[in-house]
Structure formats: structure tokens, C-alpha cells
Amino acid sequence: MCSNRRALAGRCHPEVSIESSQSGVTQGIQIVKQLRRLDTPLKQDAEIALYLKQFDEAESLYRRMDRPDLATDMRMRLGDWFAVSCTLLDQLCFLTTASVHAPSVD
């Protein structure tokens, strides 16, 4: 997701005042530290999408990683309870379908 990284870099531009520049640099450093703690590039891209308020993109990245739990957690932090319920229902349907088609152990 290079486009997200470019957009993040585009938001890190010098401001008119020194105070706001220092604040922006501090915030940028904190974001970079947070991204370095993540173990996969997809998680990093999802966090960048969150920072840029691209929530659907972040959810899509979490699902590509097969991590619906992270998508649910993100929606819960946003207070998007409709999306939380839809995600949980999707997981429940998947688990129900998987258990019906699972081979029996005798």
C-alpha cells in the first residue's frame, strides 16, 4: 500500500509556526515508532490507513491478513456497532458452516 505511505508522508509538511512544526514532528516520530512495533507490512499499512481515516481500507487489510478480530477491534474503538455486529455474524456463520462440513472423528 505505497499510496497510503505517500499520503502519510504528504501530511508531514512544515507548518508556519515552530510550535506546530514541533508538534507535527513529534506526532510523526510516535507514528513511526508505533509502525516499527508491528510485525507485518500489512499491519503497518492498516495502521497508516487508520491514521488517514480510511477505515474501510484498514478493515480490508485486516481481512486479507485473516484477522477479523483486528477489524472488529478497530470498529469497536470507532463505536461503529453496526459493523461490529455484521463482522461477528460473519464469523459465526463461517464457524457454523465449517463445523457442518468438518469430517467427523469416530
Protein backbone atom coordinates (compact mmCIF):
# COMPACT_ATOMS: atom_id res chain seq x y z
CA MET A 1 0.00 0.00 0.00
CA CYS A 2 2.58 2.56 -1.08
CA SER A 3 -0.14 5.11 -1.79
CA ASN A 4 -1.02 5.21 1.93
CA ARG A 5 2.64 5.69 2.82
CA ARG A 6 2.91 8.53 0.31
CA ALA A 7 -0.24 10.13 1.71
CA LEU A 8 1.18 9.85 5.23
CA ALA A 9 4.41 11.48 4.09
CA GLY A 10 2.41 14.20 2.36
CA ARG A 11 0.77 15.14 5.65
CA CYS A 12 4.20 15.68 7.26
CA HIS A 13 4.95 19.11 5.86
CA PRO A 14 6.36 22.11 7.67
CA GLU A 15 3.82 24.49 9.15
CA VAL A 16 4.11 28.23 9.53
CA SER A 17 4.83 28.26 13.26
CA ILE A 18 7.63 26.46 15.09
CA GLU A 19 5.18 25.11 17.69
CA SER A 20 3.01 23.37 15.15
CA SER A 21 6.10 22.09 13.32
CA GLN A 22 7.44 20.59 16.53
CA SER A 23 4.06 19.05 17.27
CA GLY A 24 3.91 17.53 13.79
CA VAL A 25 7.43 16.13 14.06
CA THR A 26 6.67 14.65 17.48
CA GLN A 27 3.48 13.07 16.17
CA GLY A 28 5.35 11.71 13.14
CA ILE A 29 8.02 10.15 15.35
CA GLN A 30 5.35 8.50 17.51
CA ILE A 31 3.62 7.05 14.43
CA VAL A 32 6.90 5.67 13.08
CA LYS A 33 7.68 4.06 16.47
CA GLN A 34 4.22 2.51 16.55
CA LEU A 35 4.62 1.17 12.99
CA ARG A 36 8.01 -0.37 13.79
CA ARG A 37 6.43 -2.43 16.57
CA LEU A 38 4.11 -4.16 14.11
CA ASP A 39 5.31 -7.47 12.70
CA THR A 40 3.95 -7.40 9.13
CA PRO A 41 3.82 -4.79 6.37
CA LEU A 42 0.06 -5.34 6.01
CA LYS A 43 -0.48 -4.41 9.66
CA GLN A 44 1.66 -1.32 9.12
CA ASP A 45 -0.42 -0.37 6.08
CA ALA A 46 -3.63 -0.92 8.06
CA GLU A 47 -2.37 1.39 10.83
CA ILE A 48 -1.48 4.03 8.25
CA ALA A 49 -4.98 3.69 6.77
CA LEU A 50 -6.42 4.17 10.26
CA TYR A 51 -4.33 7.29 10.78
CA LEU A 52 -5.58 8.66 7.45
CA LYS A 53 -9.17 7.80 8.50
CA GLN A 54 -9.52 5.24 5.70
CA PHE A 55 -11.40 2.78 7.90
CA ASP A 56 -12.78 0.56 5.15
CA GLU A 57 -9.28 0.19 3.69
CA ALA A 58 -7.91 -0.75 7.13
CA GLU A 59 -10.68 -3.31 7.61
CA SER A 60 -9.97 -4.77 4.18
CA LEU A 61 -6.29 -5.14 5.06
CA TYR A 62 -7.13 -6.87 8.33
CA ARG A 63 -9.39 -9.30 6.49
CA ARG A 64 -6.65 -10.00 3.91
CA MET A 65 -4.44 -10.98 6.84
CA ASP A 66 -7.23 -13.32 8.00
CA ARG A 67 -7.58 -11.23 11.17
CA PRO A 68 -11.27 -10.38 11.56
CA ASP A 69 -10.56 -9.89 15.27
CA LEU A 70 -8.46 -6.82 14.46
CA ALA A 71 -11.19 -5.49 12.16
CA THR A 72 -13.75 -5.98 14.93
CA ASP A 73 -11.49 -4.31 17.49
CA MET A 74 -10.99 -1.32 15.17
CA ARG A 75 -14.75 -0.92 14.62
CA MET A 76 -15.35 -1.20 18.39
CA ARG A 77 -12.81 1.59 19.04
CA LEU A 78 -14.62 3.70 16.43
CA GLY A 79 -18.01 2.99 18.00
CA ASP A 80 -19.30 1.50 14.73
CA TRP A 81 -21.50 -1.10 16.41
CA PHE A 82 -23.41 -1.99 13.24
CA ALA A 83 -20.16 -3.05 11.55
CA VAL A 84 -19.14 -4.92 14.73
CA SER A 85 -22.37 -6.91 14.71
CA CYS A 86 -22.02 -7.67 10.97
CA THR A 87 -18.44 -8.87 11.46
CA LEU A 88 -19.41 -11.05 14.39
CA LEU A 89 -22.32 -12.54 12.45
CA ASP A 90 -20.00 -13.28 9.51
CA GLN A 91 -17.60 -15.06 11.87
CA LEU A 92 -20.44 -17.03 13.43
CA CYS A 93 -21.75 -18.10 10.01
CA PHE A 94 -18.24 -19.14 8.96
CA LEU A 95 -17.74 -21.19 12.12
CA THR A 96 -21.16 -22.82 11.77
CA THR A 97 -20.52 -23.71 8.13
CA ALA A 98 -17.04 -25.02 8.93
CA SER A 99 -18.36 -27.26 11.72
CA VAL A 100 -21.12 -28.69 9.49
CA HIS A 101 -18.62 -29.60 6.76
CA ALA A 102 -15.88 -30.83 9.08
CA PRO A 103 -15.15 -34.54 8.93
CA SER A 104 -16.41 -36.46 11.92
CA VAL A 105 -13.94 -38.16 14.20
CA ASP A 106 -15.12 -41.64 15.21
